[in-house]
N, C-alpha and C. Protein backbone atom coordinates (compact mmCIF):
# COMPACT_ATOMS: atom_id res chain seq x y z
N MET A 1 -8.25 0.79 18.48
CA MET A 1 -7.70 1.72 17.53
C MET A 1 -8.82 2.23 16.62
N ASN A 2 -8.99 3.53 16.54
CA ASN A 2 -9.96 4.12 15.63
C ASN A 2 -9.29 4.34 14.29
N VAL A 3 -9.76 3.61 13.27
CA VAL A 3 -9.07 3.63 11.98
C VAL A 3 -9.08 5.01 11.33
N VAL A 4 -10.16 5.75 11.50
CA VAL A 4 -10.24 7.09 10.89
C VAL A 4 -9.25 8.04 11.55
N ASP A 5 -9.24 8.06 12.88
CA ASP A 5 -8.31 8.94 13.59
C ASP A 5 -6.86 8.54 13.32
N ARG A 6 -6.61 7.24 13.30
CA ARG A 6 -5.25 6.78 13.06
C ARG A 6 -4.77 7.19 11.67
N ALA A 7 -5.60 6.99 10.66
CA ALA A 7 -5.23 7.35 9.30
C ALA A 7 -4.99 8.85 9.18
N LYS A 8 -5.88 9.62 9.78
CA LYS A 8 -5.74 11.09 9.73
C LYS A 8 -4.45 11.53 10.41
N ASN A 9 -4.15 10.96 11.56
CA ASN A 9 -2.94 11.35 12.28
C ASN A 9 -1.67 10.91 11.57
N VAL A 10 -1.70 9.72 10.96
CA VAL A 10 -0.52 9.25 10.22
C VAL A 10 -0.22 10.20 9.06
N ILE A 11 -1.28 10.69 8.41
CA ILE A 11 -1.11 11.61 7.28
C ILE A 11 -0.71 13.00 7.74
N MET A 12 -1.41 13.53 8.74
CA MET A 12 -1.25 14.93 9.12
C MET A 12 -0.07 15.18 10.07
N THR A 13 0.14 14.28 11.01
CA THR A 13 1.22 14.47 11.99
C THR A 13 2.01 13.16 12.12
N PRO A 14 2.68 12.75 11.05
CA PRO A 14 3.32 11.43 11.05
C PRO A 14 4.38 11.22 12.13
N ALA A 15 5.23 12.20 12.35
CA ALA A 15 6.30 12.02 13.34
C ALA A 15 5.72 11.73 14.72
N ARG A 16 4.72 12.49 15.10
CA ARG A 16 4.10 12.29 16.41
C ARG A 16 3.34 10.97 16.46
N GLU A 17 2.63 10.64 15.37
CA GLU A 17 1.81 9.43 15.38
C GLU A 17 2.66 8.17 15.40
N TRP A 18 3.81 8.21 14.71
CA TRP A 18 4.69 7.05 14.75
C TRP A 18 5.17 6.79 16.17
N GLU A 19 5.40 7.85 16.95
CA GLU A 19 5.82 7.66 18.33
C GLU A 19 4.70 7.03 19.16
N VAL A 20 3.46 7.38 18.85
CA VAL A 20 2.31 6.77 19.53
C VAL A 20 2.22 5.30 19.15
N ILE A 21 2.33 5.03 17.86
CA ILE A 21 2.26 3.65 17.35
C ILE A 21 3.35 2.79 17.98
N LYS A 22 4.52 3.39 18.15
CA LYS A 22 5.67 2.67 18.70
C LYS A 22 5.38 2.11 20.08
N THR A 23 4.62 2.83 20.87
CA THR A 23 4.38 2.41 22.26
C THR A 23 3.14 1.53 22.41
N GLU A 24 2.34 1.44 21.37
CA GLU A 24 1.11 0.66 21.47
C GLU A 24 1.37 -0.83 21.28
N PRO A 25 0.95 -1.66 22.22
CA PRO A 25 1.07 -3.11 22.02
C PRO A 25 -0.01 -3.57 21.04
N MET A 26 0.40 -4.11 19.90
CA MET A 26 -0.55 -4.57 18.89
C MET A 26 -0.13 -5.93 18.38
N THR A 27 -1.07 -6.82 18.27
CA THR A 27 -0.79 -8.13 17.69
C THR A 27 -0.91 -8.02 16.17
N THR A 28 -0.40 -9.03 15.49
CA THR A 28 -0.54 -9.08 14.03
C THR A 28 -2.01 -9.04 13.65
N GLY A 29 -2.83 -9.79 14.38
CA GLY A 29 -4.26 -9.82 14.11
C GLY A 29 -4.91 -8.45 14.25
N GLN A 30 -4.53 -7.71 15.28
CA GLN A 30 -5.09 -6.38 15.48
C GLN A 30 -4.68 -5.42 14.37
N ILE A 31 -3.42 -5.47 13.99
CA ILE A 31 -2.94 -4.58 12.93
C ILE A 31 -3.71 -4.85 11.64
N TYR A 32 -3.94 -6.12 11.36
CA TYR A 32 -4.65 -6.48 10.14
C TYR A 32 -6.15 -6.16 10.23
N THR A 33 -6.82 -6.69 11.24
CA THR A 33 -8.28 -6.56 11.28
C THR A 33 -8.74 -5.13 11.57
N GLN A 34 -7.97 -4.38 12.35
CA GLN A 34 -8.39 -3.04 12.73
C GLN A 34 -7.88 -1.95 11.80
N TYR A 35 -6.95 -2.30 10.90
CA TYR A 35 -6.39 -1.25 10.04
C TYR A 35 -6.16 -1.70 8.60
N VAL A 36 -5.26 -2.64 8.42
CA VAL A 36 -4.87 -3.05 7.06
C VAL A 36 -6.06 -3.54 6.25
N MET A 37 -6.85 -4.43 6.82
CA MET A 37 -7.97 -5.01 6.07
C MET A 37 -9.06 -4.00 5.76
N VAL A 38 -9.11 -2.92 6.53
CA VAL A 38 -10.10 -1.87 6.29
C VAL A 38 -9.61 -0.94 5.19
N LEU A 39 -8.41 -0.38 5.35
CA LEU A 39 -7.92 0.60 4.38
C LEU A 39 -7.59 -0.01 3.03
N ALA A 40 -7.12 -1.25 3.02
CA ALA A 40 -6.78 -1.89 1.75
C ALA A 40 -8.01 -2.14 0.88
N LEU A 41 -9.20 -2.06 1.48
CA LEU A 41 -10.44 -2.18 0.70
C LEU A 41 -10.66 -0.98 -0.22
N ILE A 42 -10.13 0.18 0.15
CA ILE A 42 -10.40 1.40 -0.61
C ILE A 42 -9.94 1.27 -2.07
N PRO A 43 -8.66 0.98 -2.34
CA PRO A 43 -8.27 0.87 -3.75
C PRO A 43 -8.91 -0.31 -4.46
N ALA A 44 -9.19 -1.38 -3.74
CA ALA A 44 -9.80 -2.55 -4.39
C ALA A 44 -11.23 -2.24 -4.85
N ILE A 45 -12.03 -1.67 -3.96
CA ILE A 45 -13.41 -1.35 -4.30
C ILE A 45 -13.49 -0.21 -5.31
N ALA A 46 -12.70 0.84 -5.06
CA ALA A 46 -12.71 1.99 -5.98
C ALA A 46 -12.22 1.57 -7.36
N GLY A 47 -11.21 0.71 -7.40
CA GLY A 47 -10.68 0.24 -8.67
C GLY A 47 -11.71 -0.56 -9.45
N PHE A 48 -12.45 -1.41 -8.73
CA PHE A 48 -13.50 -2.20 -9.38
C PHE A 48 -14.58 -1.28 -9.97
N ILE A 49 -15.04 -0.33 -9.16
CA ILE A 49 -16.08 0.58 -9.63
C ILE A 49 -15.59 1.38 -10.84
N GLY A 50 -14.38 1.90 -10.75
CA GLY A 50 -13.84 2.70 -11.85
C GLY A 50 -13.63 1.92 -13.13
N ARG A 51 -13.11 0.71 -12.99
CA ARG A 51 -12.80 -0.11 -14.16
C ARG A 51 -14.03 -0.74 -14.81
N SER A 52 -14.94 -1.25 -13.96
CA SER A 52 -16.05 -2.05 -14.48
C SER A 52 -17.39 -1.33 -14.57
N LEU A 53 -17.61 -0.33 -13.72
CA LEU A 53 -18.90 0.36 -13.72
C LEU A 53 -18.84 1.74 -14.36
N VAL A 54 -17.83 2.51 -14.02
CA VAL A 54 -17.70 3.85 -14.58
C VAL A 54 -17.05 3.80 -15.96
N GLY A 55 -15.88 3.17 -16.03
CA GLY A 55 -15.16 3.09 -17.30
C GLY A 55 -14.66 4.46 -17.73
N MET A 56 -14.15 4.50 -18.94
CA MET A 56 -13.69 5.78 -19.45
C MET A 56 -13.89 5.83 -20.96
N SER A 57 -13.95 7.03 -21.47
CA SER A 57 -14.18 7.22 -22.90
C SER A 57 -12.93 7.84 -23.53
N ILE A 58 -12.45 7.19 -24.58
CA ILE A 58 -11.30 7.71 -25.31
C ILE A 58 -11.71 7.86 -26.77
N LEU A 59 -11.66 9.09 -27.26
CA LEU A 59 -12.03 9.37 -28.65
C LEU A 59 -13.41 8.80 -28.97
N GLY A 60 -14.32 8.95 -28.02
CA GLY A 60 -15.69 8.51 -28.24
C GLY A 60 -15.94 7.03 -28.02
N GLU A 61 -14.91 6.27 -27.70
CA GLU A 61 -15.08 4.83 -27.47
C GLU A 61 -15.02 4.53 -25.98
N GLU A 62 -16.02 3.78 -25.50
CA GLU A 62 -16.11 3.43 -24.08
C GLU A 62 -15.25 2.21 -23.76
N PHE A 63 -14.54 2.27 -22.65
CA PHE A 63 -13.72 1.15 -22.19
C PHE A 63 -14.15 0.76 -20.79
N ARG A 64 -14.57 -0.49 -20.63
CA ARG A 64 -14.91 -1.02 -19.31
C ARG A 64 -14.42 -2.46 -19.22
N ILE A 65 -13.94 -2.81 -18.04
CA ILE A 65 -13.56 -4.20 -17.80
C ILE A 65 -14.84 -4.97 -17.46
N PRO A 66 -15.06 -6.14 -18.05
CA PRO A 66 -16.26 -6.92 -17.69
C PRO A 66 -16.35 -7.10 -16.17
N ILE A 67 -17.58 -7.08 -15.66
CA ILE A 67 -17.79 -7.11 -14.21
C ILE A 67 -17.14 -8.31 -13.54
N ALA A 68 -17.24 -9.49 -14.14
CA ALA A 68 -16.65 -10.69 -13.52
C ALA A 68 -15.13 -10.54 -13.40
N ARG A 69 -14.52 -10.03 -14.46
CA ARG A 69 -13.06 -9.83 -14.40
C ARG A 69 -12.71 -8.73 -13.42
N GLY A 70 -13.53 -7.70 -13.38
CA GLY A 70 -13.29 -6.60 -12.44
C GLY A 70 -13.37 -7.07 -11.00
N LEU A 71 -14.35 -7.92 -10.70
CA LEU A 71 -14.47 -8.47 -9.35
C LEU A 71 -13.28 -9.36 -9.01
N ALA A 72 -12.88 -10.18 -9.97
CA ALA A 72 -11.72 -11.05 -9.76
C ALA A 72 -10.48 -10.21 -9.50
N TRP A 73 -10.33 -9.13 -10.27
CA TRP A 73 -9.19 -8.23 -10.07
C TRP A 73 -9.22 -7.64 -8.65
N ALA A 74 -10.40 -7.15 -8.23
CA ALA A 74 -10.52 -6.50 -6.92
C ALA A 74 -10.20 -7.47 -5.78
N VAL A 75 -10.75 -8.68 -5.85
CA VAL A 75 -10.54 -9.67 -4.79
C VAL A 75 -9.08 -10.09 -4.72
N LEU A 76 -8.49 -10.42 -5.88
CA LEU A 76 -7.10 -10.86 -5.89
C LEU A 76 -6.15 -9.74 -5.50
N SER A 77 -6.44 -8.54 -5.98
CA SER A 77 -5.62 -7.39 -5.62
C SER A 77 -5.64 -7.16 -4.11
N TYR A 78 -6.82 -7.26 -3.52
CA TYR A 78 -6.98 -7.07 -2.08
C TYR A 78 -6.22 -8.13 -1.29
N LEU A 79 -6.41 -9.39 -1.66
CA LEU A 79 -5.75 -10.49 -0.93
C LEU A 79 -4.23 -10.41 -1.05
N LEU A 80 -3.74 -10.12 -2.24
CA LEU A 80 -2.28 -10.05 -2.41
C LEU A 80 -1.69 -8.81 -1.73
N THR A 81 -2.50 -7.77 -1.59
CA THR A 81 -2.02 -6.60 -0.84
C THR A 81 -1.82 -6.98 0.62
N LEU A 82 -2.74 -7.76 1.17
CA LEU A 82 -2.59 -8.21 2.56
C LEU A 82 -1.32 -9.06 2.71
N VAL A 83 -1.07 -9.91 1.73
CA VAL A 83 0.14 -10.74 1.76
C VAL A 83 1.37 -9.85 1.61
N GLY A 84 1.28 -8.86 0.72
CA GLY A 84 2.41 -7.97 0.46
C GLY A 84 2.85 -7.20 1.70
N VAL A 85 1.89 -6.78 2.51
CA VAL A 85 2.22 -6.07 3.75
C VAL A 85 3.08 -6.95 4.65
N TYR A 86 2.73 -8.22 4.75
CA TYR A 86 3.50 -9.13 5.62
C TYR A 86 4.86 -9.45 5.02
N ILE A 87 4.91 -9.64 3.71
CA ILE A 87 6.20 -9.92 3.05
C ILE A 87 7.16 -8.76 3.27
N LEU A 88 6.66 -7.53 3.05
CA LEU A 88 7.51 -6.36 3.25
C LEU A 88 8.00 -6.27 4.69
N ALA A 89 7.10 -6.55 5.64
CA ALA A 89 7.49 -6.51 7.05
C ALA A 89 8.59 -7.53 7.34
N ALA A 90 8.45 -8.73 6.78
CA ALA A 90 9.45 -9.78 7.00
C ALA A 90 10.80 -9.37 6.43
N ILE A 91 10.78 -8.70 5.29
CA ILE A 91 12.03 -8.26 4.67
C ILE A 91 12.66 -7.12 5.47
N ILE A 92 11.83 -6.18 5.92
CA ILE A 92 12.33 -5.10 6.77
C ILE A 92 13.01 -5.69 8.00
N ASP A 93 12.38 -6.70 8.58
CA ASP A 93 12.91 -7.31 9.79
C ASP A 93 14.20 -8.08 9.50
N ALA A 94 14.23 -8.79 8.38
CA ALA A 94 15.42 -9.57 8.04
C ALA A 94 16.62 -8.67 7.75
N LEU A 95 16.36 -7.49 7.19
CA LEU A 95 17.44 -6.56 6.86
C LEU A 95 17.97 -5.79 8.07
N ALA A 96 17.18 -5.72 9.11
CA ALA A 96 17.50 -4.88 10.26
C ALA A 96 18.92 -5.05 10.81
N PRO A 97 19.37 -6.28 11.11
CA PRO A 97 20.71 -6.43 11.68
C PRO A 97 21.82 -5.91 10.77
N SER A 98 21.61 -5.95 9.47
CA SER A 98 22.63 -5.47 8.53
C SER A 98 22.81 -3.96 8.59
N PHE A 99 21.83 -3.27 9.18
CA PHE A 99 21.90 -1.81 9.26
C PHE A 99 21.89 -1.32 10.70
N GLY A 100 22.35 -2.16 11.60
CA GLY A 100 22.50 -1.75 12.99
C GLY A 100 21.22 -1.67 13.78
N SER A 101 20.14 -2.23 13.24
CA SER A 101 18.87 -2.25 13.96
C SER A 101 18.66 -3.65 14.52
N ARG A 102 17.64 -3.80 15.33
CA ARG A 102 17.37 -5.12 15.90
C ARG A 102 16.13 -5.73 15.24
N LYS A 103 16.13 -7.04 15.20
CA LYS A 103 14.97 -7.74 14.66
C LYS A 103 13.80 -7.60 15.64
N ASP A 104 12.70 -7.14 15.13
CA ASP A 104 11.48 -6.95 15.93
C ASP A 104 10.33 -6.98 14.94
N MET A 105 9.74 -8.15 14.74
CA MET A 105 8.73 -8.32 13.71
C MET A 105 7.50 -7.45 13.97
N SER A 106 7.18 -7.23 15.22
CA SER A 106 6.03 -6.39 15.54
C SER A 106 6.25 -4.97 15.03
N ALA A 107 7.44 -4.42 15.30
CA ALA A 107 7.76 -3.07 14.83
C ALA A 107 7.82 -3.02 13.31
N SER A 108 8.39 -4.06 12.71
CA SER A 108 8.51 -4.11 11.25
C SER A 108 7.14 -4.16 10.59
N LEU A 109 6.21 -4.91 11.19
CA LEU A 109 4.87 -4.99 10.64
C LEU A 109 4.14 -3.66 10.78
N LYS A 110 4.35 -2.99 11.89
CA LYS A 110 3.75 -1.67 12.07
C LYS A 110 4.24 -0.72 10.97
N VAL A 111 5.54 -0.74 10.72
CA VAL A 111 6.11 0.12 9.67
C VAL A 111 5.50 -0.21 8.32
N SER A 112 5.48 -1.47 7.98
CA SER A 112 4.94 -1.91 6.70
C SER A 112 3.48 -1.53 6.54
N ALA A 113 2.70 -1.76 7.58
CA ALA A 113 1.25 -1.54 7.51
C ALA A 113 0.88 -0.06 7.50
N PHE A 114 1.36 0.69 8.48
CA PHE A 114 0.92 2.08 8.60
C PHE A 114 1.54 3.01 7.57
N SER A 115 2.69 2.64 7.02
CA SER A 115 3.30 3.48 6.00
C SER A 115 2.51 3.47 4.70
N MET A 116 1.66 2.46 4.50
CA MET A 116 0.86 2.36 3.28
C MET A 116 -0.40 3.23 3.32
N THR A 117 -0.62 3.91 4.41
CA THR A 117 -1.85 4.70 4.59
C THR A 117 -2.14 5.63 3.42
N ALA A 118 -1.17 6.43 3.02
CA ALA A 118 -1.39 7.40 1.94
C ALA A 118 -1.73 6.72 0.63
N ALA A 119 -1.03 5.63 0.33
CA ALA A 119 -1.28 4.91 -0.93
C ALA A 119 -2.69 4.34 -0.96
N TRP A 120 -3.13 3.77 0.17
CA TRP A 120 -4.48 3.20 0.22
C TRP A 120 -5.54 4.28 0.12
N LEU A 121 -5.36 5.38 0.83
CA LEU A 121 -6.33 6.47 0.76
C LEU A 121 -6.40 7.06 -0.64
N ALA A 122 -5.25 7.17 -1.28
CA ALA A 122 -5.21 7.73 -2.64
C ALA A 122 -5.91 6.83 -3.64
N GLY A 123 -6.13 5.58 -3.26
CA GLY A 123 -6.83 4.65 -4.15
C GLY A 123 -8.25 5.09 -4.46
N ILE A 124 -8.80 6.02 -3.67
CA ILE A 124 -10.15 6.50 -3.90
C ILE A 124 -10.28 7.16 -5.28
N PHE A 125 -9.18 7.70 -5.79
CA PHE A 125 -9.21 8.36 -7.09
C PHE A 125 -9.48 7.39 -8.23
N SER A 126 -9.33 6.09 -7.96
CA SER A 126 -9.61 5.09 -8.99
C SER A 126 -11.10 4.99 -9.31
N LEU A 127 -11.93 5.61 -8.47
CA LEU A 127 -13.37 5.62 -8.75
C LEU A 127 -13.67 6.23 -10.12
N ILE A 128 -12.89 7.24 -10.47
CA ILE A 128 -13.06 7.91 -11.77
C ILE A 128 -11.74 7.77 -12.51
N PRO A 129 -11.66 6.84 -13.46
CA PRO A 129 -10.39 6.56 -14.14
C PRO A 129 -9.65 7.78 -14.67
N LEU A 130 -10.39 8.78 -15.14
CA LEU A 130 -9.73 9.99 -15.65
C LEU A 130 -8.98 10.75 -14.56
N LEU A 131 -9.35 10.51 -13.29
CA LEU A 131 -8.69 11.17 -12.17
C LEU A 131 -7.63 10.29 -11.51
N SER A 132 -7.44 9.08 -12.04
CA SER A 132 -6.54 8.13 -11.39
C SER A 132 -5.11 8.64 -11.29
N VAL A 133 -4.74 9.59 -12.14
CA VAL A 133 -3.38 10.15 -12.04
C VAL A 133 -3.18 10.84 -10.69
N LEU A 134 -4.28 11.30 -10.08
CA LEU A 134 -4.18 11.95 -8.77
C LEU A 134 -3.74 10.99 -7.68
N ALA A 135 -3.79 9.70 -7.97
CA ALA A 135 -3.35 8.70 -7.00
C ALA A 135 -1.86 8.85 -6.71
N LEU A 136 -1.17 9.66 -7.49
CA LEU A 136 0.25 9.92 -7.24
C LEU A 136 0.48 10.53 -5.87
N VAL A 137 -0.56 11.14 -5.29
CA VAL A 137 -0.39 11.68 -3.94
C VAL A 137 -0.09 10.55 -2.96
N GLY A 138 -0.39 9.32 -3.38
CA GLY A 138 -0.07 8.16 -2.54
C GLY A 138 1.42 7.95 -2.36
N LEU A 139 2.23 8.62 -3.19
CA LEU A 139 3.68 8.52 -3.03
C LEU A 139 4.14 9.09 -1.69
N TYR A 140 3.25 9.81 -1.03
CA TYR A 140 3.53 10.30 0.32
C TYR A 140 3.86 9.13 1.25
N SER A 141 3.42 7.94 0.88
CA SER A 141 3.72 6.75 1.67
C SER A 141 5.23 6.49 1.75
N PHE A 142 5.97 6.94 0.74
CA PHE A 142 7.43 6.79 0.78
C PHE A 142 8.00 7.56 1.97
N TYR A 143 7.47 8.76 2.18
CA TYR A 143 7.90 9.58 3.31
C TYR A 143 7.48 8.93 4.63
N LEU A 144 6.25 8.42 4.65
CA LEU A 144 5.76 7.76 5.87
C LEU A 144 6.62 6.56 6.22
N LEU A 145 7.07 5.83 5.19
CA LEU A 145 7.95 4.69 5.41
C LEU A 145 9.25 5.13 6.07
N TYR A 146 9.82 6.22 5.58
CA TYR A 146 11.08 6.73 6.14
C TYR A 146 10.91 7.12 7.61
N ILE A 147 9.87 7.91 7.89
CA ILE A 147 9.65 8.37 9.27
C ILE A 147 9.37 7.18 10.19
N GLY A 148 8.60 6.23 9.70
CA GLY A 148 8.28 5.05 10.50
C GLY A 148 9.50 4.21 10.81
N MET A 149 10.33 3.98 9.80
CA MET A 149 11.55 3.20 10.03
C MET A 149 12.46 3.89 11.03
N ARG A 150 12.59 5.19 10.86
CA ARG A 150 13.48 5.95 11.75
C ARG A 150 13.01 5.87 13.20
N SER A 151 11.70 5.91 13.38
CA SER A 151 11.15 5.90 14.73
C SER A 151 11.10 4.50 15.34
N LEU A 152 10.53 3.55 14.62
CA LEU A 152 10.28 2.23 15.20
C LEU A 152 11.47 1.29 15.12
N LYS A 153 12.29 1.42 14.10
CA LYS A 153 13.41 0.49 13.95
C LYS A 153 14.69 1.00 14.61
N GLU A 154 14.67 2.26 15.04
CA GLU A 154 15.80 2.83 15.79
C GLU A 154 17.14 2.54 15.11
N VAL A 155 17.23 2.96 13.86
CA VAL A 155 18.44 2.72 13.06
C VAL A 155 19.48 3.78 13.37
N PRO A 156 20.76 3.42 13.49
CA PRO A 156 21.81 4.41 13.66
C PRO A 156 21.75 5.43 12.52
N PRO A 157 21.88 6.72 12.83
CA PRO A 157 21.74 7.77 11.80
C PRO A 157 22.60 7.55 10.56
N ASP A 158 23.82 7.03 10.74
CA ASP A 158 24.71 6.85 9.59
C ASP A 158 24.28 5.69 8.69
N LYS A 159 23.37 4.85 9.18
CA LYS A 159 22.93 3.71 8.37
C LYS A 159 21.48 3.82 7.91
N MET A 160 20.82 4.90 8.34
CA MET A 160 19.40 5.07 8.03
C MET A 160 19.16 5.18 6.53
N ALA A 161 19.96 5.97 5.84
CA ALA A 161 19.75 6.18 4.40
C ALA A 161 19.84 4.86 3.63
N GLY A 162 20.86 4.06 3.94
CA GLY A 162 21.03 2.79 3.25
C GLY A 162 19.87 1.83 3.52
N TYR A 163 19.46 1.75 4.78
CA TYR A 163 18.36 0.87 5.16
C TYR A 163 17.07 1.29 4.45
N TYR A 164 16.85 2.61 4.42
CA TYR A 164 15.64 3.12 3.79
C TYR A 164 15.63 2.85 2.28
N VAL A 165 16.74 3.13 1.62
CA VAL A 165 16.80 2.95 0.17
C VAL A 165 16.56 1.49 -0.21
N VAL A 166 17.22 0.58 0.50
CA VAL A 166 17.05 -0.84 0.22
C VAL A 166 15.60 -1.26 0.47
N THR A 167 15.02 -0.80 1.57
CA THR A 167 13.64 -1.14 1.89
C THR A 167 12.68 -0.56 0.86
N LEU A 168 12.94 0.67 0.44
CA LEU A 168 12.08 1.32 -0.55
C LEU A 168 12.09 0.54 -1.87
N ILE A 169 13.27 0.12 -2.30
CA ILE A 169 13.38 -0.66 -3.53
C ILE A 169 12.60 -1.96 -3.40
N VAL A 170 12.76 -2.62 -2.25
CA VAL A 170 12.04 -3.88 -2.01
C VAL A 170 10.54 -3.64 -2.03
N ALA A 171 10.08 -2.57 -1.39
CA ALA A 171 8.65 -2.25 -1.34
C ALA A 171 8.09 -2.04 -2.75
N ILE A 172 8.82 -1.29 -3.56
CA ILE A 172 8.38 -1.03 -4.93
C ILE A 172 8.29 -2.34 -5.71
N VAL A 173 9.32 -3.18 -5.57
CA VAL A 173 9.33 -4.47 -6.28
C VAL A 173 8.16 -5.33 -5.85
N VAL A 174 7.91 -5.41 -4.54
CA VAL A 174 6.81 -6.24 -4.02
C VAL A 174 5.48 -5.81 -4.61
N TYR A 175 5.21 -4.51 -4.60
CA TYR A 175 3.90 -4.05 -5.07
C TYR A 175 3.77 -4.02 -6.59
N VAL A 176 4.89 -3.85 -7.29
CA VAL A 176 4.84 -3.96 -8.76
C VAL A 176 4.56 -5.40 -9.16
N VAL A 177 5.22 -6.34 -8.48
CA VAL A 177 4.98 -7.76 -8.76
C VAL A 177 3.51 -8.11 -8.50
N ILE A 178 2.96 -7.61 -7.41
CA ILE A 178 1.55 -7.86 -7.10
C ILE A 178 0.66 -7.32 -8.23
N ALA A 179 0.92 -6.10 -8.68
CA ALA A 179 0.11 -5.50 -9.74
C ALA A 179 0.19 -6.30 -11.03
N VAL A 180 1.40 -6.74 -11.38
CA VAL A 180 1.59 -7.51 -12.61
C VAL A 180 0.89 -8.87 -12.51
N VAL A 181 1.05 -9.54 -11.38
CA VAL A 181 0.42 -10.86 -11.19
C VAL A 181 -1.10 -10.74 -11.26
N VAL A 182 -1.65 -9.74 -10.57
CA VAL A 182 -3.10 -9.55 -10.55
C VAL A 182 -3.62 -9.28 -11.96
N SER A 183 -2.96 -8.40 -12.68
CA SER A 183 -3.40 -8.08 -14.05
C SER A 183 -3.27 -9.28 -14.97
N ALA A 184 -2.17 -10.02 -14.83
CA ALA A 184 -1.96 -11.18 -15.69
C ALA A 184 -3.01 -12.26 -15.46
N LEU A 185 -3.41 -12.44 -14.19
CA LEU A 185 -4.36 -13.50 -13.86
C LEU A 185 -5.83 -13.12 -14.09
N THR A 186 -6.12 -11.83 -14.03
CA THR A 186 -7.53 -11.44 -14.09
C THR A 186 -7.92 -10.57 -15.28
N LEU A 187 -6.97 -9.89 -15.87
CA LEU A 187 -7.32 -8.94 -16.92
C LEU A 187 -6.68 -9.28 -18.26
N THR A 188 -6.45 -10.55 -18.52
CA THR A 188 -5.87 -10.98 -19.78
C THR A 188 -6.68 -10.40 -20.93
N GLY A 189 -5.99 -9.70 -21.81
CA GLY A 189 -6.68 -9.07 -22.92
C GLY A 189 -7.08 -7.64 -22.61
N TYR A 190 -7.12 -7.32 -21.30
CA TYR A 190 -7.48 -5.96 -20.89
C TYR A 190 -6.34 -5.33 -20.10
N GLY A 191 -5.55 -6.20 -19.45
CA GLY A 191 -4.55 -5.72 -18.50
C GLY A 191 -3.53 -4.77 -19.07
N ALA A 192 -2.92 -5.10 -20.19
CA ALA A 192 -1.85 -4.27 -20.73
C ALA A 192 -2.38 -2.88 -21.09
N ALA A 193 -3.49 -2.84 -21.81
CA ALA A 193 -4.05 -1.54 -22.19
C ALA A 193 -4.49 -0.77 -20.96
N GLY A 194 -5.10 -1.48 -20.01
CA GLY A 194 -5.55 -0.83 -18.80
C GLY A 194 -4.42 -0.25 -18.00
N MET A 195 -3.31 -1.00 -17.87
CA MET A 195 -2.18 -0.51 -17.10
C MET A 195 -1.58 0.74 -17.75
N MET A 196 -1.56 0.77 -19.10
CA MET A 196 -1.01 1.93 -19.79
C MET A 196 -1.88 3.18 -19.57
N ARG A 197 -3.18 2.95 -19.32
CA ARG A 197 -4.06 4.08 -19.08
C ARG A 197 -4.13 4.41 -17.59
N GLY A 198 -3.31 3.77 -16.78
CA GLY A 198 -3.30 4.06 -15.35
C GLY A 198 -4.34 3.30 -14.58
N TRP A 199 -4.90 2.22 -15.20
CA TRP A 199 -5.91 1.41 -14.52
C TRP A 199 -5.25 0.38 -13.66
């Protein structure tokens, strides 16, 4: 799997790419090492650079997270993101029978992993904290999640909306919890102010 081509196709032609992904035999290890572990580095590294090296100026005052804390934030954020992808996949799979779909952890992991493409790519905007608001383009991942579930989980049309809404809520909760835990453990004294500024 070429990570650049895959990411580009997921973003540009999602419906077609999900059908390709659906037919590809991929192990959990392949999904992680060839895609998730690569793209999830983008927001972690960019966030560290933006928070600890670039910083931002507000009313003439410079704000930077100390390098040690910034590195701790980046590492923990990255590791918990990897865990979050699997947790979301497990929940997608557990919910499947309730919405007329079948349990298939491989398909669920594909949905969880590849739907995050836009959010991970948008993490590049964290390089410059003043531009971090542009990371909102990562919300396109919500659409990718819908298309992926519809294609790979083969949900009955009348139950698709319910399955998607429940999964979306779970996804938001999982990643908000990750962000809060990471900030609480690594940015004590900086986390609250940083989060309010979009850090």
